Protein backbone atom coordinates (compact mmCIF):
# COMPACT_ATOMS: atom_id res chain seq x y z
CA UNK A 1 0.00 0.00 0.00
CA UNK A 2 1.01 3.64 -0.28
CA UNK A 3 0.50 6.37 2.33
CA UNK A 4 -0.32 9.25 -0.01
CA UNK A 5 -0.34 8.11 -3.65
CA UNK A 6 -3.39 6.77 -5.51
CA UNK A 7 -2.82 4.16 -8.25
CA UNK A 8 -4.63 3.78 -11.56
CA UNK A 9 -4.27 0.40 -13.30
CA UNK A 10 -5.21 0.22 -16.99
CA UNK A 11 -5.37 -3.24 -18.55
CA UNK A 12 -3.67 -3.30 -21.96
CA UNK A 13 -3.70 -7.04 -22.77
CA UNK A 14 -5.01 -10.23 -21.21
CA UNK A 15 -7.16 -10.44 -18.11
CA UNK A 16 -6.24 -9.38 -14.59
CA UNK A 17 -7.69 -8.67 -11.17
CA UNK A 18 -7.09 -5.60 -9.03
CA UNK A 19 -7.64 -6.89 -5.49
CA UNK A 20 -7.94 -4.68 -2.41
CA UNK A 21 -8.26 -5.18 1.33
CA UNK A 22 -9.93 -2.98 3.95
CA UNK A 23 -12.51 -3.26 2.47
CA UNK A 24 -12.08 -6.33 0.29
CA UNK A 25 -12.95 -6.05 -3.39
CA UNK A 26 -11.96 -7.54 -6.74
CA UNK A 27 -12.12 -5.64 -10.02
CA UNK A 28 -11.95 -7.90 -13.08
CA UNK A 29 -10.08 -6.10 -15.86
CA UNK A 30 -10.09 -6.88 -19.57
CA UNK A 31 -8.27 -4.74 -22.19
CA UNK A 32 -9.33 -1.11 -21.75
CA UNK A 33 -10.61 -1.66 -18.21
CA UNK A 34 -9.38 0.57 -15.37
CA UNK A 35 -9.21 0.31 -11.59
CA UNK A 36 -8.42 3.08 -9.11
CA UNK A 37 -6.87 2.20 -5.76
CA UNK A 38 -6.83 4.98 -3.21
CA UNK A 39 -3.96 5.67 -0.84
CA UNK A 40 -3.78 3.65 2.39
CA UNK A 41 -5.62 0.69 0.84
CA UNK A 42 -3.68 -2.59 0.63
CA UNK A 43 -3.81 -3.95 -2.91
CA UNK A 44 -2.36 -6.39 -5.42
CA UNK A 45 -2.60 -7.06 -9.15
CA UNK A 46 -2.89 -10.60 -10.49
CA UNK A 47 -2.95 -12.15 -13.96
CA UNK A 48 -5.99 -14.46 -14.07
CA UNK A 49 -6.00 -15.33 -17.77
CA UNK A 50 -4.32 -18.10 -19.72
CA UNK A 51 -2.14 -15.61 -21.66
CA UNK A 52 0.29 -12.97 -20.48
CA UNK A 53 -1.26 -9.74 -19.21
CA UNK A 54 0.08 -6.20 -19.64
CA UNK A 55 -1.02 -3.03 -17.88
CA UNK A 56 -0.14 0.62 -17.47
CA UNK A 57 0.24 2.00 -13.97
CA UNK A 58 -0.28 5.69 -13.22
CA UNK A 59 0.65 7.01 -9.77
CA UNK A 60 -1.10 10.06 -8.42
CA UNK A 61 0.64 13.20 -7.21
CA UNK A 62 2.49 13.00 -3.91
CA UNK A 63 5.44 11.39 -2.21
CA UNK A 64 5.74 7.76 -3.29
CA UNK A 65 6.25 5.07 -0.68
CA UNK A 66 5.64 1.34 -0.61
CA UNK A 67 4.58 -0.69 2.40
CA UNK A 68 4.79 -4.44 1.85
CA UNK A 69 2.03 -6.27 3.68
CA UNK A 70 1.73 -9.95 4.44
CA UNK A 71 -1.80 -11.13 3.80
C-alpha atoms as a PDB file:
ATOM      1  CA  UNK A   1       0.000   0.000   0.000  1.00  0.00           C
ATOM      2  CA  UNK A   2       1.006   3.643  -0.278  1.00  0.00           C
ATOM      3  CA  UNK A   3       0.499   6.369   2.329  1.00  0.00           C
ATOM      4  CA  UNK A   4      -0.315   9.253  -0.014  1.00  0.00           C
ATOM      5  CA  UNK A   5      -0.340   8.108  -3.649  1.00  0.00           C
ATOM      6  CA  UNK A   6      -3.395   6.771  -5.509  1.00  0.00           C
ATOM      7  CA  UNK A   7      -2.817   4.164  -8.246  1.00  0.00           C
ATOM      8  CA  UNK A   8      -4.632   3.778 -11.564  1.00  0.00           C
ATOM      9  CA  UNK A   9      -4.271   0.395 -13.301  1.00  0.00           C
ATOM     10  CA  UNK A  10      -5.214   0.218 -16.987  1.00  0.00           C
ATOM     11  CA  UNK A  11      -5.370  -3.240 -18.551  1.00  0.00           C
ATOM     12  CA  UNK A  12      -3.671  -3.303 -21.963  1.00  0.00           C
ATOM     13  CA  UNK A  13      -3.697  -7.044 -22.771  1.00  0.00           C
ATOM     14  CA  UNK A  14      -5.013 -10.230 -21.210  1.00  0.00           C
ATOM     15  CA  UNK A  15      -7.157 -10.437 -18.113  1.00  0.00           C
ATOM     16  CA  UNK A  16      -6.242  -9.380 -14.591  1.00  0.00           C
ATOM     17  CA  UNK A  17      -7.692  -8.668 -11.168  1.00  0.00           C
ATOM     18  CA  UNK A  18      -7.089  -5.601  -9.031  1.00  0.00           C
ATOM     19  CA  UNK A  19      -7.637  -6.887  -5.486  1.00  0.00           C
ATOM     20  CA  UNK A  20      -7.943  -4.681  -2.407  1.00  0.00           C
ATOM     21  CA  UNK A  21      -8.265  -5.184   1.330  1.00  0.00           C
ATOM     22  CA  UNK A  22      -9.929  -2.984   3.947  1.00  0.00           C
ATOM     23  CA  UNK A  23     -12.505  -3.259   2.466  1.00  0.00           C
ATOM     24  CA  UNK A  24     -12.082  -6.332   0.288  1.00  0.00           C
ATOM     25  CA  UNK A  25     -12.946  -6.049  -3.394  1.00  0.00           C
ATOM     26  CA  UNK A  26     -11.963  -7.542  -6.744  1.00  0.00           C
ATOM     27  CA  UNK A  27     -12.121  -5.639 -10.024  1.00  0.00           C
ATOM     28  CA  UNK A  28     -11.953  -7.903 -13.080  1.00  0.00           C
ATOM     29  CA  UNK A  29     -10.082  -6.097 -15.860  1.00  0.00           C
ATOM     30  CA  UNK A  30     -10.087  -6.876 -19.573  1.00  0.00           C
ATOM     31  CA  UNK A  31      -8.271  -4.745 -22.194  1.00  0.00           C
ATOM     32  CA  UNK A  32      -9.328  -1.112 -21.753  1.00  0.00           C
ATOM     33  CA  UNK A  33     -10.606  -1.658 -18.214  1.00  0.00           C
ATOM     34  CA  UNK A  34      -9.382   0.566 -15.370  1.00  0.00           C
ATOM     35  CA  UNK A  35      -9.208   0.308 -11.590  1.00  0.00           C
ATOM     36  CA  UNK A  36      -8.422   3.075  -9.111  1.00  0.00           C
ATOM     37  CA  UNK A  37      -6.869   2.195  -5.761  1.00  0.00           C
ATOM     38  CA  UNK A  38      -6.830   4.976  -3.207  1.00  0.00           C
ATOM     39  CA  UNK A  39      -3.965   5.666  -0.845  1.00  0.00           C
ATOM     40  CA  UNK A  40      -3.776   3.649   2.385  1.00  0.00           C
ATOM     41  CA  UNK A  41      -5.621   0.694   0.842  1.00  0.00           C
ATOM     42  CA  UNK A  42      -3.679  -2.589   0.628  1.00  0.00           C
ATOM     43  CA  UNK A  43      -3.814  -3.953  -2.910  1.00  0.00           C
ATOM     44  CA  UNK A  44      -2.362  -6.389  -5.421  1.00  0.00           C
ATOM     45  CA  UNK A  45      -2.605  -7.065  -9.154  1.00  0.00           C
ATOM     46  CA  UNK A  46      -2.893 -10.602 -10.494  1.00  0.00           C
ATOM     47  CA  UNK A  47      -2.954 -12.152 -13.961  1.00  0.00           C
ATOM     48  CA  UNK A  48      -5.988 -14.458 -14.068  1.00  0.00           C
ATOM     49  CA  UNK A  49      -5.997 -15.327 -17.769  1.00  0.00           C
ATOM     50  CA  UNK A  50      -4.317 -18.104 -19.725  1.00  0.00           C
ATOM     51  CA  UNK A  51      -2.145 -15.614 -21.660  1.00  0.00           C
ATOM     52  CA  UNK A  52       0.287 -12.965 -20.481  1.00  0.00           C
ATOM     53  CA  UNK A  53      -1.262  -9.739 -19.210  1.00  0.00           C
ATOM     54  CA  UNK A  54       0.076  -6.204 -19.636  1.00  0.00           C
ATOM     55  CA  UNK A  55      -1.017  -3.029 -17.882  1.00  0.00           C
ATOM     56  CA  UNK A  56      -0.142   0.624 -17.472  1.00  0.00           C
ATOM     57  CA  UNK A  57       0.242   2.003 -13.965  1.00  0.00           C
ATOM     58  CA  UNK A  58      -0.279   5.685 -13.224  1.00  0.00           C
ATOM     59  CA  UNK A  59       0.647   7.006  -9.772  1.00  0.00           C
ATOM     60  CA  UNK A  60      -1.099  10.064  -8.421  1.00  0.00           C
ATOM     61  CA  UNK A  61       0.636  13.199  -7.214  1.00  0.00           C
ATOM     62  CA  UNK A  62       2.485  13.001  -3.912  1.00  0.00           C
ATOM     63  CA  UNK A  63       5.435  11.394  -2.215  1.00  0.00           C
ATOM     64  CA  UNK A  64       5.744   7.759  -3.290  1.00  0.00           C
ATOM     65  CA  UNK A  65       6.251   5.071  -0.679  1.00  0.00           C
ATOM     66  CA  UNK A  66       5.645   1.339  -0.614  1.00  0.00           C
ATOM     67  CA  UNK A  67       4.576  -0.688   2.402  1.00  0.00           C
ATOM     68  CA  UNK A  68       4.793  -4.442   1.851  1.00  0.00           C
ATOM     69  CA  UNK A  69       2.034  -6.272   3.684  1.00  0.00           C
ATOM     70  CA  UNK A  70       1.733  -9.950   4.440  1.00  0.00           C
ATOM     71  CA  UNK A  71      -1.804 -11.131   3.799  1.00  0.00           C
END
